[in-house]
């Protein structure tokens, strides 16, 4: 389950998971686009990107 964290004026929504058994937390980034949604997810504190669908490499670096 993902919990709301913040919504930015550009419609970027950031949500987070509960603490997982390995003590990680998933941070999810979602933004509407003309074809649906862009979405990316990172596991913290490992800084391991789990997936990225639609965000540029530059934007992913900004999220980091």
Protein backbone atom coordinates (compact mmCIF):
# COMPACT_ATOMS: atom_id res chain seq x y z
CA UNK A 1 0.00 0.00 0.00
CA UNK A 2 1.24 3.51 -0.83
CA UNK A 3 0.55 6.54 1.34
CA UNK A 4 0.34 10.14 0.06
CA UNK A 5 3.30 12.37 0.86
CA UNK A 6 3.14 15.48 -1.35
CA UNK A 7 1.59 16.79 -4.57
CA UNK A 8 3.44 19.48 -6.52
CA UNK A 9 1.85 22.19 -8.73
CA UNK A 10 3.07 20.33 -11.86
CA UNK A 11 0.82 17.41 -10.75
CA UNK A 12 3.77 15.26 -9.64
CA UNK A 13 2.55 13.06 -6.79
CA UNK A 14 4.99 11.45 -4.35
CA UNK A 15 3.83 8.54 -2.20
CA UNK A 16 5.61 6.08 0.10
CA UNK A 17 5.15 2.54 1.32
CA UNK A 18 5.15 1.19 4.83
CA UNK A 19 8.51 -0.01 6.17
CA UNK A 20 9.29 -3.33 4.49
CA UNK A 21 10.70 -6.41 6.25
CA UNK A 22 14.21 -5.49 5.02
CA UNK A 23 13.77 -2.01 6.60
CA UNK A 24 13.45 -0.33 3.21
CA UNK A 25 10.75 2.10 2.10
CA UNK A 26 9.53 2.48 -1.46
CA UNK A 27 9.09 6.01 -2.78
CA UNK A 28 6.78 6.32 -5.78
CA UNK A 29 6.71 9.24 -8.25
CA UNK A 30 3.66 9.60 -10.50
CA UNK A 31 2.67 12.32 -12.96
CA UNK A 32 -0.12 12.45 -15.53
CA UNK A 33 0.91 12.75 -19.19
CA UNK A 34 -0.94 12.62 -22.49
CA UNK A 35 -0.67 8.80 -22.65
CA UNK A 36 -1.69 8.12 -19.06
CA UNK A 37 0.93 8.37 -16.31
CA UNK A 38 4.69 8.48 -15.88
CA UNK A 39 5.75 6.40 -12.90
CA UNK A 40 8.99 5.55 -11.13
CA UNK A 41 9.82 3.82 -7.86
CA UNK A 42 12.95 3.78 -5.73
CA UNK A 43 13.83 1.72 -2.64
CA UNK A 44 15.45 3.63 0.21
CA UNK A 45 17.94 3.62 1.88
CA UNK A 46 19.50 1.50 -0.91
CA UNK A 47 18.81 4.15 -3.62
CA UNK A 48 17.89 1.29 -5.95
CA UNK A 49 15.48 2.22 -8.74
CA UNK A 50 12.88 -0.56 -9.02
CA UNK A 51 11.37 0.76 -12.25
CA UNK A 52 10.91 3.85 -14.37
CA UNK A 53 8.25 4.25 -16.99
CA UNK A 54 8.27 7.61 -18.75
CA UNK A 55 10.60 9.84 -16.73
CA UNK A 56 13.82 11.10 -18.38
CA UNK A 57 17.23 10.27 -16.93
CA UNK A 58 17.58 13.96 -16.05
CA UNK A 59 14.32 13.92 -14.05
CA UNK A 60 15.36 10.73 -12.24
CA UNK A 61 18.61 12.46 -11.20
CA UNK A 62 16.52 15.38 -9.85
CA UNK A 63 14.47 12.94 -7.74
CA UNK A 64 17.67 11.52 -6.24
